[in-house]
Amino acid sequence: MTETPTDDVTWLTQEAYDRLQSELEQLSGEGRTEIAHKIEAAREEGDLKENGGYHAAREEQGQQEARIRQLEHLLRNAKVGDASSNTDVVSPGLIVHAKVAGNDMRFLLGNREIAGQDDLDVFSEKSPLGAAVNGQKVGAKTSYETPSGKEIAVKVLKIEQLS
């Protein structure tokens, strides 16, 4: 068994992992069959150069295959576990309330896939902001540097569980 580099590991809840696994199975099985039927039906309409339905189906197929590759990579490199119930320290899977560059922000630390349908801003623990707050306690002041070299001040105000 090969080791996954820690930079490539994505933390997921069991619920998120199961949801993504189910999506992958649907896209790779029934989804591929459905797209193949759409392409075949559009192909039977004749001239492919001027066939909008054919080109739309091929584009949809490309997007679907990209999502399949994304899901395979994500699931292959996933670390599955429950979000910490300790809301004293910022960790992946928790919602962070922070003052960032003087502005109040509320975001999930982790991966968009954990949030599911919630309309939350999400920052990876590998992002500059995520790395700055990961492991910090409520009240902690920290900062991170932007690509242009500007230092951004951050203060952790509150930590809560994703419901």
Protein backbone atom coordinates (compact mmCIF):
# COMPACT_ATOMS: atom_id res chain seq x y z
CA MET A 1 0.00 0.00 0.00
CA THR A 2 1.42 3.41 -0.92
CA GLU A 3 1.40 6.33 1.45
CA THR A 4 -0.69 9.34 0.49
CA PRO A 5 1.26 12.57 0.81
CA THR A 6 -0.27 14.63 3.62
CA ASP A 7 -0.65 17.62 1.26
CA ASP A 8 -3.10 15.57 -0.79
CA VAL A 9 -5.24 14.28 2.09
CA THR A 10 -8.77 15.67 2.35
CA TRP A 11 -10.65 15.33 5.60
CA LEU A 12 -14.27 14.15 5.14
CA THR A 13 -17.04 13.16 7.51
CA GLN A 14 -18.41 9.65 7.04
CA GLU A 15 -21.64 11.22 5.77
CA ALA A 16 -19.77 13.28 3.14
CA TYR A 17 -17.69 10.25 2.12
CA ASP A 18 -20.80 8.09 1.70
CA ARG A 19 -22.60 10.83 -0.26
CA LEU A 20 -19.62 11.25 -2.61
CA GLN A 21 -19.21 7.47 -3.01
CA SER A 22 -22.88 7.23 -3.96
CA GLU A 23 -22.51 10.10 -6.46
CA LEU A 24 -19.46 8.39 -8.00
CA GLU A 25 -21.32 5.09 -8.36
CA GLN A 26 -24.29 6.83 -10.00
CA LEU A 27 -22.13 8.84 -12.41
CA SER A 28 -19.89 5.91 -13.37
CA GLY A 29 -22.77 3.50 -13.92
CA GLU A 30 -26.19 4.87 -14.73
CA GLY A 31 -24.82 8.33 -15.56
CA ARG A 32 -22.42 7.06 -18.21
CA THR A 33 -25.16 4.92 -19.76
CA GLU A 34 -27.55 7.87 -19.87
CA ILE A 35 -24.96 10.14 -21.54
CA ALA A 36 -24.11 7.45 -24.10
CA HIS A 37 -27.81 7.21 -25.02
CA LYS A 38 -28.04 11.01 -25.39
CA ILE A 39 -25.00 11.06 -27.66
CA GLU A 40 -26.29 8.16 -29.75
CA ALA A 41 -29.74 9.75 -30.11
CA ALA A 42 -28.19 13.07 -31.15
CA ARG A 43 -25.84 11.29 -33.58
CA GLU A 44 -28.82 9.68 -35.29
CA GLU A 45 -30.21 13.14 -36.06
CA GLY A 46 -27.64 13.54 -38.80
CA ASP A 47 -24.92 16.10 -39.57
CA LEU A 48 -22.74 16.34 -36.47
CA LYS A 49 -21.19 19.69 -37.45
CA GLU A 50 -24.51 21.49 -37.05
CA ASN A 51 -26.02 19.26 -34.36
CA GLY A 52 -26.35 21.32 -31.16
CA GLY A 53 -27.80 18.39 -29.20
CA TYR A 54 -24.79 16.23 -30.04
CA HIS A 55 -22.30 18.91 -29.01
CA ALA A 56 -24.22 19.63 -25.78
CA ALA A 57 -24.26 15.91 -24.92
CA ARG A 58 -20.52 15.60 -25.60
CA GLU A 59 -19.83 18.63 -23.39
CA GLU A 60 -22.01 17.14 -20.65
CA GLN A 61 -20.05 13.89 -21.01
CA GLY A 62 -16.76 15.77 -20.59
CA GLN A 63 -18.02 17.51 -17.45
CA GLN A 64 -19.29 14.24 -16.05
CA GLU A 65 -15.98 12.47 -16.68
CA ALA A 66 -14.13 15.36 -15.01
CA ARG A 67 -16.39 15.03 -11.96
CA ILE A 68 -15.79 11.27 -11.88
CA ARG A 69 -12.01 11.85 -11.88
CA GLN A 70 -12.38 14.50 -9.17
CA LEU A 71 -14.47 12.18 -6.99
CA GLU A 72 -12.09 9.24 -7.49
CA HIS A 73 -9.14 11.42 -6.45
CA LEU A 74 -10.99 12.89 -3.48
CA LEU A 75 -12.19 9.52 -2.18
CA ARG A 76 -8.82 7.83 -2.76
CA ASN A 77 -7.10 10.52 -0.68
CA ALA A 78 -9.80 11.01 1.95
CA LYS A 79 -9.26 10.77 5.65
CA VAL A 80 -12.65 9.85 7.08
CA GLY A 81 -13.64 10.80 10.58
CA ASP A 82 -15.97 12.88 12.66
CA ALA A 83 -15.44 16.57 13.11
CA SER A 84 -13.95 17.37 16.45
CA SER A 85 -16.53 17.95 19.15
CA ASN A 86 -13.97 20.20 20.82
CA THR A 87 -14.97 23.71 19.84
CA ASP A 88 -12.11 25.22 21.86
CA VAL A 89 -9.62 24.68 19.02
CA VAL A 90 -10.12 25.27 15.29
CA SER A 91 -9.90 22.06 13.27
CA PRO A 92 -11.27 20.76 9.95
CA GLY A 93 -15.03 20.27 9.94
CA LEU A 94 -15.74 23.15 12.29
CA ILE A 95 -17.28 26.54 11.56
CA VAL A 96 -15.09 29.48 12.43
CA HIS A 97 -16.22 33.00 13.23
CA ALA A 98 -13.29 35.35 12.82
CA LYS A 99 -12.38 38.95 12.25
CA VAL A 100 -10.28 38.96 9.09
CA ALA A 101 -8.70 42.25 8.04
CA GLY A 102 -11.30 44.02 10.19
CA ASN A 103 -14.28 42.18 8.64
CA ASP A 104 -16.43 39.58 10.41
CA MET A 105 -16.41 36.24 8.59
CA ARG A 106 -18.10 32.91 9.18
CA PHE A 107 -16.69 29.93 7.28
CA LEU A 108 -16.18 26.21 7.35
CA LEU A 109 -12.62 24.98 7.68
CA GLY A 110 -12.22 21.98 5.42
CA ASN A 111 -13.66 21.04 2.07
CA ARG A 112 -16.70 22.17 0.09
CA GLU A 113 -17.83 18.53 0.02
CA ILE A 114 -18.22 18.50 3.82
CA ALA A 115 -20.61 21.45 3.70
CA GLY A 116 -22.95 19.62 1.33
CA GLN A 117 -25.81 21.94 0.42
CA ASP A 118 -25.04 24.54 3.13
CA ASP A 119 -24.34 27.96 1.67
CA LEU A 120 -21.14 28.51 3.64
CA ASP A 121 -17.84 29.98 2.62
CA VAL A 122 -15.27 27.18 2.82
CA PHE A 123 -11.53 27.48 3.30
CA SER A 124 -9.22 24.50 3.10
CA GLU A 125 -6.91 24.00 6.03
CA LYS A 126 -4.15 24.27 3.39
CA SER A 127 -5.24 27.76 2.26
CA PRO A 128 -3.42 30.75 3.77
CA LEU A 129 -6.43 31.68 5.97
CA GLY A 130 -7.16 28.06 6.85
CA ALA A 131 -3.55 27.37 7.80
CA ALA A 132 -3.49 30.53 9.92
CA VAL A 133 -6.55 29.58 12.01
CA ASN A 134 -6.11 25.78 12.12
CA GLY A 135 -5.15 24.79 15.66
CA GLN A 136 -5.95 28.24 17.11
CA LYS A 137 -8.16 28.80 20.16
CA VAL A 138 -11.00 31.27 20.58
CA GLY A 139 -9.48 34.71 21.15
CA ALA A 140 -6.24 33.86 19.34
CA LYS A 141 -4.74 36.50 17.09
CA THR A 142 -2.78 35.35 14.08
CA SER A 143 -2.08 36.44 10.53
CA TYR A 144 -1.26 35.21 7.08
CA GLU A 145 0.50 36.65 4.07
CA THR A 146 -1.22 37.24 0.73
CA PRO A 147 0.56 36.36 -2.51
CA SER A 148 1.35 40.07 -2.92
CA GLY A 149 3.12 40.05 0.45
CA LYS A 150 0.44 41.90 2.44
CA GLU A 151 0.00 40.70 6.03
CA ILE A 152 -3.67 40.03 6.96
CA ALA A 153 -4.62 40.07 10.66
CA VAL A 154 -7.03 37.39 11.91
CA LYS A 155 -8.72 36.98 15.29
CA VAL A 156 -10.71 33.82 16.09
CA LEU A 157 -14.01 34.92 17.69
CA LYS A 158 -16.01 31.70 17.96
CA ILE A 159 -15.83 28.05 16.90
CA GLU A 160 -18.91 25.89 16.37
CA GLN A 161 -19.87 22.51 14.98
CA LEU A 162 -21.40 22.13 11.54
CA SER A 163 -25.00 21.12 12.06
